[in-house]
Amino acid sequence: MSTPTPQHRYGVLVPVKPPPVAKSRLAPLGDQVRTELAAAFALDTVVAVLESPAVGCVLAVTDDHVLAAALADVGAMVIPDGVSDDLNGSLVLAAAELARRFPDLRPAAVCADLPALRAEELSRALAEAGADTMSFVADAEGQGTTVVAAADVASFHPRFGVGSAQAHRADGAREIELADVPSLRRDVDTPDDLAAAQELGVGPRTAFVSTVMLGPGSPRL
């Protein structure tokens, strides 16, 4: 399947919670595994995002200095989390910083827990984004959101959180309803989610942590 070329290029914001406090629902796998997986998810996600020709840059938003260095090593620019207790507020601040640095790029945000992400699927979604409004991609369950993309900072109003897909719909955001972007919809919060992502094929860092720390079998408990 050919990948359409987006009319616009995006600066992608990737909010990354410090791994020691991230992914609490993976706690049944053990705290060390949970922490290592959270970092691996973020790195694999950022690498895949950067491979999309629709993406001009990635601004990773995190207060974890160790992970910040690793994210910079794979090509992201890193900025501190300006509103650490408010994800959406932090993203709005980051979008303003993106506009200051790269005024020709449109703002988008991608969740940091998409370890199976394929760049071509992100490209297809961004090619479908509205020309003058905010658009979003719902997660595999149809309740959450994995991607938002906007025409500009003024129309960038993310509503990440519980029930975010419906919140975006209620705000008038355009839903991108592509059927062939499973890796873009497969965020990972639970051991079952991780197993589903592994079936799609996860990135090398997630694969390494999963194999070394969990063994070659399924992470389901």
N, C-alpha and C. Protein backbone atom coordinates (compact mmCIF):
# COMPACT_ATOMS: atom_id res chain seq x y z
N MET A 1 0.85 -1.20 0.00
CA MET A 1 0.00 0.00 0.00
C MET A 1 0.88 1.24 0.00
N SER A 2 0.57 2.17 -0.92
CA SER A 2 1.35 3.39 -0.97
C SER A 2 0.96 4.31 0.19
N THR A 3 1.92 5.10 0.61
CA THR A 3 1.67 6.04 1.69
C THR A 3 1.52 7.43 1.11
N PRO A 4 0.36 8.09 1.28
CA PRO A 4 0.20 9.43 0.73
C PRO A 4 1.16 10.42 1.39
N THR A 5 1.57 11.39 0.61
CA THR A 5 2.47 12.41 1.14
C THR A 5 1.65 13.53 1.76
N PRO A 6 1.83 13.78 3.06
CA PRO A 6 1.07 14.86 3.68
C PRO A 6 1.37 16.21 3.04
N GLN A 7 0.35 17.06 2.99
CA GLN A 7 0.55 18.39 2.42
C GLN A 7 1.38 19.27 3.34
N HIS A 8 1.37 18.95 4.62
CA HIS A 8 2.06 19.77 5.60
C HIS A 8 2.99 18.89 6.44
N ARG A 9 4.04 19.53 6.97
CA ARG A 9 4.93 18.81 7.86
C ARG A 9 4.64 19.24 9.29
N TYR A 10 4.96 18.33 10.19
CA TYR A 10 4.59 18.51 11.59
C TYR A 10 5.80 18.48 12.50
N GLY A 11 5.71 19.24 13.55
CA GLY A 11 6.60 19.08 14.69
C GLY A 11 5.84 18.27 15.72
N VAL A 12 6.37 17.13 16.09
CA VAL A 12 5.64 16.20 16.95
C VAL A 12 6.12 16.31 18.39
N LEU A 13 5.18 16.54 19.27
CA LEU A 13 5.44 16.60 20.70
C LEU A 13 5.20 15.22 21.29
N VAL A 14 6.15 14.71 22.04
CA VAL A 14 6.01 13.40 22.67
C VAL A 14 6.20 13.58 24.18
N PRO A 15 5.12 13.58 24.94
CA PRO A 15 5.24 13.73 26.40
C PRO A 15 5.68 12.42 27.03
N VAL A 16 6.72 12.49 27.84
CA VAL A 16 7.30 11.27 28.42
C VAL A 16 7.36 11.41 29.94
N LYS A 17 6.53 10.66 30.63
CA LYS A 17 6.55 10.66 32.09
C LYS A 17 7.84 9.98 32.56
N PRO A 18 8.46 10.45 33.63
CA PRO A 18 9.66 9.77 34.14
C PRO A 18 9.40 8.29 34.37
N PRO A 19 10.22 7.41 33.82
CA PRO A 19 9.95 5.97 33.93
C PRO A 19 9.71 5.45 35.34
N PRO A 20 10.38 5.96 36.38
CA PRO A 20 10.11 5.42 37.72
C PRO A 20 8.66 5.55 38.17
N VAL A 21 7.91 6.49 37.57
CA VAL A 21 6.51 6.66 37.97
C VAL A 21 5.55 6.39 36.82
N ALA A 22 6.05 5.85 35.73
CA ALA A 22 5.22 5.62 34.55
C ALA A 22 4.67 4.20 34.51
N LYS A 23 3.60 4.04 33.76
CA LYS A 23 3.04 2.73 33.43
C LYS A 23 2.74 1.89 34.66
N SER A 24 1.97 2.44 35.56
CA SER A 24 1.65 1.74 36.82
C SER A 24 0.89 0.44 36.59
N ARG A 25 0.15 0.34 35.51
CA ARG A 25 -0.63 -0.87 35.26
C ARG A 25 0.23 -2.03 34.75
N LEU A 26 1.53 -1.75 34.52
CA LEU A 26 2.47 -2.83 34.21
C LEU A 26 3.18 -3.33 35.47
N ALA A 27 2.78 -2.83 36.62
CA ALA A 27 3.41 -3.23 37.88
C ALA A 27 3.43 -4.73 38.11
N PRO A 28 2.41 -5.51 37.66
CA PRO A 28 2.48 -6.96 37.86
C PRO A 28 3.71 -7.61 37.23
N LEU A 29 4.36 -6.93 36.28
CA LEU A 29 5.57 -7.47 35.66
C LEU A 29 6.80 -7.23 36.52
N GLY A 30 6.68 -6.43 37.58
CA GLY A 30 7.81 -6.08 38.43
C GLY A 30 8.24 -4.64 38.16
N ASP A 31 8.67 -3.95 39.20
CA ASP A 31 9.00 -2.54 39.06
C ASP A 31 10.16 -2.28 38.11
N GLN A 32 11.17 -3.12 38.14
CA GLN A 32 12.30 -2.89 37.24
C GLN A 32 11.89 -3.09 35.79
N VAL A 33 11.10 -4.12 35.54
CA VAL A 33 10.62 -4.36 34.18
C VAL A 33 9.74 -3.20 33.73
N ARG A 34 8.84 -2.78 34.59
CA ARG A 34 7.96 -1.67 34.26
C ARG A 34 8.75 -0.42 33.89
N THR A 35 9.76 -0.11 34.69
CA THR A 35 10.57 1.09 34.44
C THR A 35 11.33 0.98 33.13
N GLU A 36 11.96 -0.16 32.90
CA GLU A 36 12.72 -0.36 31.67
C GLU A 36 11.82 -0.34 30.45
N LEU A 37 10.64 -0.92 30.56
CA LEU A 37 9.71 -0.92 29.43
C LEU A 37 9.22 0.49 29.12
N ALA A 38 8.92 1.27 30.14
CA ALA A 38 8.44 2.64 29.90
C ALA A 38 9.46 3.44 29.10
N ALA A 39 10.73 3.31 29.46
CA ALA A 39 11.78 4.00 28.72
C ALA A 39 11.91 3.45 27.30
N ALA A 40 11.85 2.13 27.16
CA ALA A 40 11.96 1.52 25.84
C ALA A 40 10.82 1.93 24.93
N PHE A 41 9.60 1.96 25.48
CA PHE A 41 8.45 2.40 24.68
C PHE A 41 8.70 3.80 24.10
N ALA A 42 9.15 4.70 24.96
CA ALA A 42 9.34 6.09 24.53
C ALA A 42 10.40 6.19 23.44
N LEU A 43 11.50 5.48 23.61
CA LEU A 43 12.57 5.54 22.61
C LEU A 43 12.14 4.93 21.29
N ASP A 44 11.47 3.77 21.32
CA ASP A 44 11.00 3.16 20.08
C ASP A 44 9.96 4.04 19.39
N THR A 45 9.11 4.67 20.18
CA THR A 45 8.10 5.57 19.60
C THR A 45 8.77 6.74 18.89
N VAL A 46 9.71 7.38 19.55
CA VAL A 46 10.36 8.55 18.97
C VAL A 46 11.12 8.19 17.71
N VAL A 47 11.82 7.07 17.71
CA VAL A 47 12.55 6.66 16.51
C VAL A 47 11.59 6.47 15.34
N ALA A 48 10.46 5.81 15.58
CA ALA A 48 9.49 5.59 14.50
C ALA A 48 8.90 6.91 14.01
N VAL A 49 8.59 7.82 14.93
CA VAL A 49 8.04 9.13 14.54
C VAL A 49 9.02 9.87 13.65
N LEU A 50 10.29 9.86 14.02
CA LEU A 50 11.30 10.57 13.24
C LEU A 50 11.49 9.99 11.84
N GLU A 51 11.12 8.73 11.65
CA GLU A 51 11.26 8.10 10.33
C GLU A 51 10.16 8.52 9.36
N SER A 52 9.13 9.18 9.84
CA SER A 52 8.04 9.62 8.96
C SER A 52 8.47 10.86 8.18
N PRO A 53 8.30 10.88 6.86
CA PRO A 53 8.64 12.07 6.09
C PRO A 53 7.73 13.25 6.38
N ALA A 54 6.61 12.99 7.06
CA ALA A 54 5.70 14.08 7.43
C ALA A 54 6.19 14.84 8.66
N VAL A 55 7.23 14.35 9.30
CA VAL A 55 7.70 14.91 10.57
C VAL A 55 8.99 15.69 10.36
N GLY A 56 8.96 16.95 10.77
CA GLY A 56 10.15 17.78 10.66
C GLY A 56 11.04 17.72 11.88
N CYS A 57 10.44 17.45 13.05
CA CYS A 57 11.22 17.33 14.27
C CYS A 57 10.36 16.70 15.34
N VAL A 58 11.01 16.21 16.38
CA VAL A 58 10.33 15.73 17.58
C VAL A 58 10.83 16.52 18.76
N LEU A 59 9.88 17.07 19.53
CA LEU A 59 10.19 17.67 20.82
C LEU A 59 9.68 16.72 21.89
N ALA A 60 10.60 16.07 22.57
CA ALA A 60 10.22 15.21 23.68
C ALA A 60 10.10 16.08 24.93
N VAL A 61 9.03 15.88 25.66
CA VAL A 61 8.75 16.70 26.84
C VAL A 61 8.90 15.82 28.08
N THR A 62 9.97 16.03 28.85
CA THR A 62 10.21 15.18 30.01
C THR A 62 11.07 15.90 31.03
N ASP A 63 10.92 15.50 32.27
CA ASP A 63 11.77 16.00 33.35
C ASP A 63 12.79 14.96 33.80
N ASP A 64 12.84 13.82 33.14
CA ASP A 64 13.79 12.77 33.50
C ASP A 64 15.10 12.99 32.74
N HIS A 65 16.15 13.39 33.46
CA HIS A 65 17.39 13.77 32.78
C HIS A 65 18.09 12.60 32.13
N VAL A 66 17.97 11.40 32.71
CA VAL A 66 18.62 10.23 32.11
C VAL A 66 17.94 9.87 30.79
N LEU A 67 16.63 9.80 30.81
CA LEU A 67 15.90 9.49 29.59
C LEU A 67 16.04 10.62 28.57
N ALA A 68 16.13 11.85 29.05
CA ALA A 68 16.31 12.99 28.14
C ALA A 68 17.57 12.81 27.29
N ALA A 69 18.64 12.35 27.91
CA ALA A 69 19.88 12.13 27.16
C ALA A 69 19.71 11.03 26.12
N ALA A 70 19.01 9.97 26.48
CA ALA A 70 18.78 8.88 25.52
C ALA A 70 17.89 9.33 24.38
N LEU A 71 16.90 10.15 24.67
CA LEU A 71 16.02 10.66 23.62
C LEU A 71 16.78 11.58 22.68
N ALA A 72 17.67 12.39 23.23
CA ALA A 72 18.50 13.25 22.38
C ALA A 72 19.41 12.42 21.49
N ASP A 73 19.91 11.32 22.02
CA ASP A 73 20.81 10.45 21.25
C ASP A 73 20.13 9.86 20.02
N VAL A 74 18.81 9.64 20.09
CA VAL A 74 18.12 9.06 18.93
C VAL A 74 17.55 10.13 18.01
N GLY A 75 17.79 11.41 18.33
CA GLY A 75 17.42 12.46 17.38
C GLY A 75 16.35 13.44 17.82
N ALA A 76 15.80 13.25 19.01
CA ALA A 76 14.78 14.18 19.49
C ALA A 76 15.43 15.40 20.12
N MET A 77 14.73 16.51 20.07
CA MET A 77 15.05 17.65 20.92
C MET A 77 14.24 17.48 22.20
N VAL A 78 14.81 17.88 23.31
CA VAL A 78 14.16 17.63 24.59
C VAL A 78 13.94 18.94 25.32
N ILE A 79 12.73 19.12 25.82
CA ILE A 79 12.41 20.30 26.62
C ILE A 79 11.80 19.83 27.94
N PRO A 80 11.92 20.62 28.99
CA PRO A 80 11.35 20.21 30.28
C PRO A 80 9.84 20.27 30.26
N ASP A 81 9.25 19.51 31.16
CA ASP A 81 7.80 19.49 31.31
C ASP A 81 7.38 20.74 32.07
N GLY A 82 6.73 21.67 31.38
CA GLY A 82 6.41 22.95 31.98
C GLY A 82 5.30 22.90 33.00
N VAL A 83 4.40 21.90 32.88
CA VAL A 83 3.27 21.78 33.81
C VAL A 83 3.15 20.30 34.15
N SER A 84 3.99 19.81 35.03
CA SER A 84 4.16 18.38 35.21
C SER A 84 2.90 17.66 35.68
N ASP A 85 1.97 18.39 36.31
CA ASP A 85 0.76 17.74 36.80
C ASP A 85 -0.43 17.94 35.86
N ASP A 86 -0.19 18.45 34.66
CA ASP A 86 -1.26 18.71 33.70
C ASP A 86 -0.72 18.41 32.30
N LEU A 87 -0.99 17.20 31.81
CA LEU A 87 -0.46 16.78 30.52
C LEU A 87 -0.87 17.73 29.40
N ASN A 88 -2.15 18.07 29.35
CA ASN A 88 -2.62 18.90 28.25
C ASN A 88 -2.05 20.32 28.33
N GLY A 89 -1.95 20.85 29.54
CA GLY A 89 -1.33 22.15 29.69
C GLY A 89 0.13 22.14 29.28
N SER A 90 0.82 21.07 29.62
CA SER A 90 2.22 20.94 29.25
C SER A 90 2.37 20.88 27.73
N LEU A 91 1.47 20.16 27.07
CA LEU A 91 1.53 20.06 25.61
C LEU A 91 1.26 21.40 24.94
N VAL A 92 0.33 22.19 25.49
CA VAL A 92 0.06 23.50 24.92
C VAL A 92 1.29 24.40 25.03
N LEU A 93 1.97 24.35 26.17
CA LEU A 93 3.20 25.13 26.32
C LEU A 93 4.27 24.64 25.34
N ALA A 94 4.36 23.32 25.18
CA ALA A 94 5.35 22.77 24.26
C ALA A 94 5.04 23.16 22.82
N ALA A 95 3.75 23.22 22.48
CA ALA A 95 3.37 23.64 21.13
C ALA A 95 3.78 25.09 20.87
N ALA A 96 3.66 25.93 21.89
CA ALA A 96 4.10 27.31 21.74
C ALA A 96 5.60 27.38 21.51
N GLU A 97 6.35 26.54 22.22
CA GLU A 97 7.80 26.49 22.02
C GLU A 97 8.14 25.97 20.63
N LEU A 98 7.39 24.97 20.17
CA LEU A 98 7.59 24.47 18.81
C LEU A 98 7.38 25.59 17.79
N ALA A 99 6.30 26.35 17.96
CA ALA A 99 6.02 27.44 17.02
C ALA A 99 7.12 28.50 17.04
N ARG A 100 7.69 28.73 18.23
CA ARG A 100 8.78 29.70 18.32
C ARG A 100 10.01 29.23 17.56
N ARG A 101 10.31 27.94 17.69
CA ARG A 101 11.52 27.41 17.05
C ARG A 101 11.30 27.10 15.58
N PHE A 102 10.13 26.58 15.25
CA PHE A 102 9.87 26.11 13.89
C PHE A 102 8.49 26.58 13.43
N PRO A 103 8.36 27.84 13.08
CA PRO A 103 7.05 28.39 12.74
C PRO A 103 6.39 27.76 11.52
N ASP A 104 7.15 27.07 10.69
CA ASP A 104 6.57 26.46 9.49
C ASP A 104 6.01 25.06 9.75
N LEU A 105 6.23 24.51 10.94
CA LEU A 105 5.74 23.18 11.25
C LEU A 105 4.42 23.25 12.00
N ARG A 106 3.52 22.35 11.67
CA ARG A 106 2.26 22.26 12.39
C ARG A 106 2.44 21.42 13.65
N PRO A 107 1.69 21.72 14.71
CA PRO A 107 1.85 20.93 15.93
C PRO A 107 1.06 19.63 15.92
N ALA A 108 1.68 18.59 16.42
CA ALA A 108 1.01 17.31 16.64
C ALA A 108 1.56 16.74 17.93
N ALA A 109 0.81 15.85 18.54
CA ALA A 109 1.27 15.15 19.73
C ALA A 109 1.04 13.67 19.56
N VAL A 110 2.01 12.88 19.94
CA VAL A 110 1.95 11.42 19.84
C VAL A 110 2.27 10.84 21.21
N CYS A 111 1.47 9.90 21.66
CA CYS A 111 1.73 9.25 22.94
C CYS A 111 3.06 8.52 22.90
N ALA A 112 3.71 8.42 24.06
CA ALA A 112 5.03 7.82 24.14
C ALA A 112 5.00 6.32 24.39
N ASP A 113 3.82 5.71 24.26
CA ASP A 113 3.71 4.28 24.56
C ASP A 113 3.19 3.50 23.36
N LEU A 114 3.80 3.76 22.20
CA LEU A 114 3.44 3.07 20.95
C LEU A 114 4.65 2.29 20.44
N PRO A 115 5.07 1.24 21.15
CA PRO A 115 6.33 0.57 20.80
C PRO A 115 6.29 -0.19 19.49
N ALA A 116 5.10 -0.43 18.94
CA ALA A 116 5.00 -1.12 17.65
C ALA A 116 4.83 -0.15 16.49
N LEU A 117 4.91 1.14 16.74
CA LEU A 117 4.59 2.16 15.74
C LEU A 117 5.39 1.98 14.46
N ARG A 118 4.67 2.11 13.33
CA ARG A 118 5.27 2.12 12.00
C ARG A 118 5.17 3.53 11.45
N ALA A 119 6.27 4.04 10.95
CA ALA A 119 6.31 5.42 10.45
C ALA A 119 5.30 5.64 9.33
N GLU A 120 5.12 4.64 8.46
CA GLU A 120 4.20 4.83 7.34
C GLU A 120 2.76 4.97 7.81
N GLU A 121 2.42 4.36 8.95
CA GLU A 121 1.07 4.51 9.47
C GLU A 121 0.86 5.92 10.02
N LEU A 122 1.85 6.45 10.68
CA LEU A 122 1.77 7.84 11.14
C LEU A 122 1.65 8.77 9.95
N SER A 123 2.42 8.53 8.91
CA SER A 123 2.35 9.37 7.72
C SER A 123 0.96 9.36 7.12
N ARG A 124 0.34 8.17 7.05
CA ARG A 124 -1.01 8.09 6.49
C ARG A 124 -2.01 8.88 7.33
N ALA A 125 -1.88 8.79 8.64
CA ALA A 125 -2.79 9.52 9.51
C ALA A 125 -2.60 11.02 9.36
N LEU A 126 -1.37 11.49 9.33
CA LEU A 126 -1.13 12.92 9.20
C LEU A 126 -1.59 13.44 7.85
N ALA A 127 -1.53 12.61 6.82
CA ALA A 127 -2.03 13.02 5.51
C ALA A 127 -3.54 13.22 5.51
N GLU A 128 -4.22 12.56 6.47
CA GLU A 128 -5.68 12.68 6.58
C GLU A 128 -6.11 13.78 7.54
N ALA A 129 -5.16 14.40 8.22
CA ALA A 129 -5.50 15.43 9.21
C ALA A 129 -6.15 16.63 8.54
N GLY A 130 -7.07 17.26 9.27
CA GLY A 130 -7.77 18.41 8.73
C GLY A 130 -6.85 19.56 8.41
N ALA A 131 -7.20 20.30 7.37
CA ALA A 131 -6.35 21.40 6.92
C ALA A 131 -6.46 22.62 7.82
N ASP A 132 -7.57 22.77 8.52
CA ASP A 132 -7.77 23.99 9.30
C ASP A 132 -8.38 23.74 10.67
N THR A 133 -8.22 22.51 11.17
CA THR A 133 -8.79 22.19 12.47
C THR A 133 -7.90 21.17 13.16
N MET A 134 -8.29 20.71 14.34
CA MET A 134 -7.56 19.66 15.01
C MET A 134 -8.16 18.31 14.66
N SER A 135 -7.30 17.32 14.51
CA SER A 135 -7.72 15.96 14.21
C SER A 135 -7.12 15.04 15.25
N PHE A 136 -7.69 13.83 15.36
CA PHE A 136 -7.16 12.88 16.33
C PHE A 136 -7.36 11.46 15.86
N VAL A 137 -6.54 10.57 16.43
CA VAL A 137 -6.65 9.13 16.20
C VAL A 137 -6.99 8.47 17.53
N ALA A 138 -8.07 7.71 17.55
CA ALA A 138 -8.46 7.00 18.76
C ALA A 138 -7.61 5.75 18.92
N ASP A 139 -7.47 5.28 20.16
CA ASP A 139 -6.70 4.07 20.42
C ASP A 139 -7.49 2.83 20.00
N ALA A 140 -6.89 1.67 20.20
CA ALA A 140 -7.48 0.43 19.72
C ALA A 140 -8.84 0.14 20.35
N GLU A 141 -9.04 0.60 21.57
CA GLU A 141 -10.31 0.38 22.26
C GLU A 141 -11.34 1.45 21.92
N GLY A 142 -10.93 2.51 21.25
CA GLY A 142 -11.85 3.57 20.87
C GLY A 142 -12.18 4.54 21.98
N GLN A 143 -11.50 4.42 23.12
CA GLN A 143 -11.79 5.28 24.26
C GLN A 143 -10.74 6.37 24.45
N GLY A 144 -9.50 6.01 24.25
CA GLY A 144 -8.40 6.96 24.42
C GLY A 144 -7.97 7.55 23.10
N THR A 145 -6.86 8.29 23.13
CA THR A 145 -6.32 8.97 21.96
C THR A 145 -4.82 8.71 21.90
N THR A 146 -4.32 8.44 20.71
CA THR A 146 -2.87 8.25 20.56
C THR A 146 -2.19 9.38 19.82
N VAL A 147 -2.94 10.11 18.98
CA VAL A 147 -2.36 11.18 18.17
C VAL A 147 -3.36 12.33 18.08
N VAL A 148 -2.86 13.54 18.20
CA VAL A 148 -3.63 14.73 17.80
C VAL A 148 -2.75 15.55 16.87
N ALA A 149 -3.38 16.21 15.91
CA ALA A 149 -2.66 17.06 14.97
C ALA A 149 -3.51 18.29 14.69
N ALA A 150 -2.88 19.44 14.64
CA ALA A 150 -3.63 20.68 14.48
C ALA A 150 -3.03 21.52 13.36
N ALA A 151 -3.84 22.45 12.89
CA ALA A 151 -3.39 23.35 11.84
C ALA A 151 -2.37 24.35 12.35
N ASP A 152 -2.52 24.74 13.62
CA ASP A 152 -1.63 25.73 14.21
C ASP A 152 -1.80 25.68 15.73
N VAL A 153 -1.04 26.50 16.41
CA VAL A 153 -1.11 26.50 17.87
C VAL A 153 -2.49 26.92 18.36
N ALA A 154 -3.11 27.86 17.66
CA ALA A 154 -4.42 28.36 18.09
C ALA A 154 -5.48 27.27 18.09
N SER A 155 -5.36 26.29 17.20
CA SER A 155 -6.35 25.21 17.13
C SER A 155 -5.90 23.94 17.83
N PHE A 156 -4.77 24.01 18.53
CA PHE A 156 -4.22 22.85 19.23
C PHE A 156 -4.76 22.82 20.65
N HIS A 157 -5.76 21.97 20.87
CA HIS A 157 -6.41 21.86 22.19
C HIS A 157 -6.53 20.39 22.58
N PRO A 158 -5.43 19.75 22.94
CA PRO A 158 -5.49 18.32 23.28
C PRO A 158 -6.32 18.07 24.52
N ARG A 159 -6.97 16.90 24.54
CA ARG A 159 -7.80 16.50 25.67
C ARG A 159 -7.43 15.10 26.12
N PHE A 160 -6.13 14.84 26.21
CA PHE A 160 -5.68 13.53 26.66
C PHE A 160 -6.16 13.27 28.08
N GLY A 161 -6.39 11.99 28.37
CA GLY A 161 -6.88 11.60 29.68
C GLY A 161 -7.99 10.57 29.52
N VAL A 162 -8.63 10.21 30.62
CA VAL A 162 -9.70 9.23 30.57
C VAL A 162 -10.82 9.73 29.66
N GLY A 163 -11.24 8.87 28.72
CA GLY A 163 -12.32 9.24 27.81
C GLY A 163 -11.93 10.31 26.81
N SER A 164 -10.65 10.39 26.46
CA SER A 164 -10.19 11.49 25.62
C SER A 164 -10.77 11.46 24.21
N ALA A 165 -11.04 10.28 23.67
CA ALA A 165 -11.60 10.23 22.32
C ALA A 165 -12.94 10.96 22.27
N GLN A 166 -13.79 10.68 23.23
CA GLN A 166 -15.08 11.36 23.27
C GLN A 166 -14.90 12.85 23.56
N ALA A 167 -13.94 13.19 24.40
CA ALA A 167 -13.69 14.60 24.69
C ALA A 167 -13.26 15.34 23.43
N HIS A 168 -12.42 14.72 22.62
CA HIS A 168 -12.01 15.36 21.37
C HIS A 168 -13.19 15.50 20.42
N ARG A 169 -14.02 14.45 20.34
CA ARG A 169 -15.21 14.55 19.48
C ARG A 169 -16.10 15.69 19.95
N ALA A 170 -16.32 15.77 21.25
CA ALA A 170 -17.20 16.80 21.79
C ALA A 170 -16.67 18.20 21.52
N ASP A 171 -15.36 18.34 21.44
CA ASP A 171 -14.75 19.64 21.15
C ASP A 171 -14.77 19.97 19.67
N GLY A 172 -15.26 19.05 18.84
CA GLY A 172 -15.33 19.30 17.41
C GLY A 172 -14.11 18.89 16.63
N ALA A 173 -13.19 18.14 17.26
CA ALA A 173 -12.02 17.65 16.52
C ALA A 173 -12.45 16.61 15.50
N ARG A 174 -11.72 16.53 14.43
CA ARG A 174 -12.02 15.60 13.33
C ARG A 174 -11.35 14.26 13.62
N GLU A 175 -12.13 13.20 13.64
CA GLU A 175 -11.57 11.88 13.90
C GLU A 175 -11.00 11.28 12.62
N ILE A 176 -9.78 10.82 12.70
CA ILE A 176 -9.14 10.14 11.57
C ILE A 176 -9.47 8.65 11.71
N GLU A 177 -10.32 8.15 10.83
CA GLU A 177 -10.89 6.81 11.00
C GLU A 177 -10.28 5.81 10.01
N LEU A 178 -8.98 5.82 9.87
CA LEU A 178 -8.31 4.84 9.02
C LEU A 178 -8.38 3.46 9.65
N ALA A 179 -8.59 2.45 8.83
CA ALA A 179 -8.71 1.08 9.35
C ALA A 179 -7.37 0.35 9.34
N ASP A 180 -6.38 0.89 8.68
CA ASP A 180 -5.14 0.14 8.43
C ASP A 180 -3.95 0.75 9.17
N VAL A 181 -4.19 1.24 10.40
CA VAL A 181 -3.09 1.80 11.18
C VAL A 181 -3.05 1.16 12.57
N PRO A 182 -2.96 -0.16 12.65
CA PRO A 182 -3.04 -0.82 13.97
C PRO A 182 -1.91 -0.44 14.90
N SER A 183 -0.71 -0.20 14.37
CA SER A 183 0.40 0.14 15.26
C SER A 183 0.24 1.53 15.83
N LEU A 184 -0.46 2.40 15.13
CA LEU A 184 -0.70 3.76 15.61
C LEU A 184 -1.76 3.80 16.70
N ARG A 185 -2.60 2.78 16.72
CA ARG A 185 -3.67 2.72 17.72
C ARG A 185 -3.28 1.88 18.95
N ARG A 186 -2.17 1.14 18.87
CA ARG A 186 -1.83 0.18 19.91
C ARG A 186 -0.93 0.79 20.97
N ASP A 187 -1.54 1.57 21.86
CA ASP A 187 -0.79 2.04 23.02
C ASP A 187 -0.72 0.90 24.04
N VAL A 188 0.22 0.99 24.96
CA VAL A 188 0.46 -0.10 25.90
C VAL A 188 0.34 0.40 27.33
N ASP A 189 -0.67 -0.11 28.02
CA ASP A 189 -0.86 0.20 29.43
C ASP A 189 -0.80 -1.03 30.32
N THR A 190 -1.14 -2.20 29.76
CA THR A 190 -1.28 -3.42 30.54
C THR A 190 -0.44 -4.53 29.92
N PRO A 191 -0.21 -5.62 30.66
CA PRO A 191 0.48 -6.77 30.07
C PRO A 191 -0.22 -7.30 28.81
N ASP A 192 -1.54 -7.30 28.79
CA ASP A 192 -2.25 -7.75 27.60
C ASP A 192 -2.00 -6.82 26.42
N ASP A 193 -1.93 -5.51 26.68
CA ASP A 193 -1.60 -4.56 25.62
C ASP A 193 -0.21 -4.85 25.06
N LEU A 194 0.72 -5.16 25.95
CA LEU A 194 2.08 -5.46 25.50
C LEU A 194 2.10 -6.69 24.61
N ALA A 195 1.34 -7.70 24.99
CA ALA A 195 1.27 -8.90 24.17
C ALA A 195 0.71 -8.57 22.79
N ALA A 196 -0.32 -7.70 22.73
CA ALA A 196 -0.91 -7.31 21.46
C ALA A 196 0.09 -6.53 20.61
N ALA A 197 0.87 -5.67 21.26
CA ALA A 197 1.90 -4.91 20.53
C ALA A 197 2.98 -5.85 19.99
N GLN A 198 3.35 -6.85 20.79
CA GLN A 198 4.35 -7.80 20.32
C GLN A 198 3.87 -8.58 19.10
N GLU A 199 2.59 -8.85 19.03
CA GLU A 199 2.05 -9.54 17.85
C GLU A 199 2.18 -8.67 16.60
N LEU A 200 2.10 -7.35 16.78
CA LEU A 200 2.31 -6.45 15.65
C LEU A 200 3.79 -6.32 15.29
N GLY A 201 4.64 -6.49 16.30
CA GLY A 201 6.08 -6.34 16.11
C GLY A 201 6.58 -5.07 16.74
N VAL A 202 7.20 -5.17 17.90
CA VAL A 202 7.65 -3.98 18.61
C VAL A 202 9.04 -3.56 18.16
N GLY A 203 9.41 -2.35 18.53
CA GLY A 203 10.73 -1.83 18.21
C GLY A 203 11.83 -2.56 18.95
N PRO A 204 13.09 -2.30 18.56
CA PRO A 204 14.21 -3.10 19.09
C PRO A 204 14.44 -2.93 20.59
N ARG A 205 14.21 -1.76 21.13
CA ARG A 205 14.46 -1.56 22.55
C ARG A 205 13.42 -2.29 23.39
N THR A 206 12.17 -2.20 22.97
CA THR A 206 11.11 -2.92 23.68
C THR A 206 11.31 -4.42 23.54
N ALA A 207 11.71 -4.86 22.36
CA ALA A 207 11.94 -6.29 22.14
C ALA A 207 13.08 -6.78 23.04
N PHE A 208 14.13 -5.98 23.18
CA PHE A 208 15.26 -6.38 24.00
C PHE A 208 14.85 -6.51 25.47
N VAL A 209 14.17 -5.48 25.98
CA VAL A 209 13.76 -5.51 27.39
C VAL A 209 12.81 -6.68 27.63
N SER A 210 11.88 -6.88 26.72
CA SER A 210 10.91 -7.96 26.89
C SER A 210 11.59 -9.32 26.89
N THR A 211 12.53 -9.51 25.99
CA THR A 211 13.20 -10.81 25.88
C THR A 211 14.14 -11.06 27.06
N VAL A 212 14.95 -10.05 27.40
CA VAL A 212 15.94 -10.24 28.45
C VAL A 212 15.30 -10.33 29.83
N MET A 213 14.29 -9.49 30.08
CA MET A 213 13.75 -9.41 31.42
C MET A 213 12.52 -10.29 31.64
N LEU A 214 11.81 -10.61 30.55
CA LEU A 214 10.60 -11.42 30.70
C LEU A 214 10.73 -12.79 30.05
N GLY A 215 11.75 -12.96 29.21
CA GLY A 215 11.86 -14.21 28.48
C GLY A 215 11.08 -14.15 27.18
N PRO A 216 11.25 -15.14 26.32
CA PRO A 216 10.63 -15.10 24.99
C PRO A 216 9.13 -15.35 25.00
N GLY A 217 8.52 -15.71 26.10
CA GLY A 217 7.09 -16.00 26.13
C GLY A 217 6.26 -14.76 26.24
N SER A 218 4.97 -14.95 26.32
CA SER A 218 4.01 -13.85 26.43
C SER A 218 4.13 -13.16 27.77
N PRO A 219 3.93 -11.81 27.80
CA PRO A 219 3.94 -11.10 29.07
C PRO A 219 2.65 -11.25 29.86
N ARG A 220 1.65 -11.88 29.29
CA ARG A 220 0.39 -12.03 30.02
C ARG A 220 0.64 -12.85 31.30
N LEU A 221 -0.01 -12.46 32.36
CA LEU A 221 0.14 -13.16 33.65
C LEU A 221 -1.07 -14.01 33.91
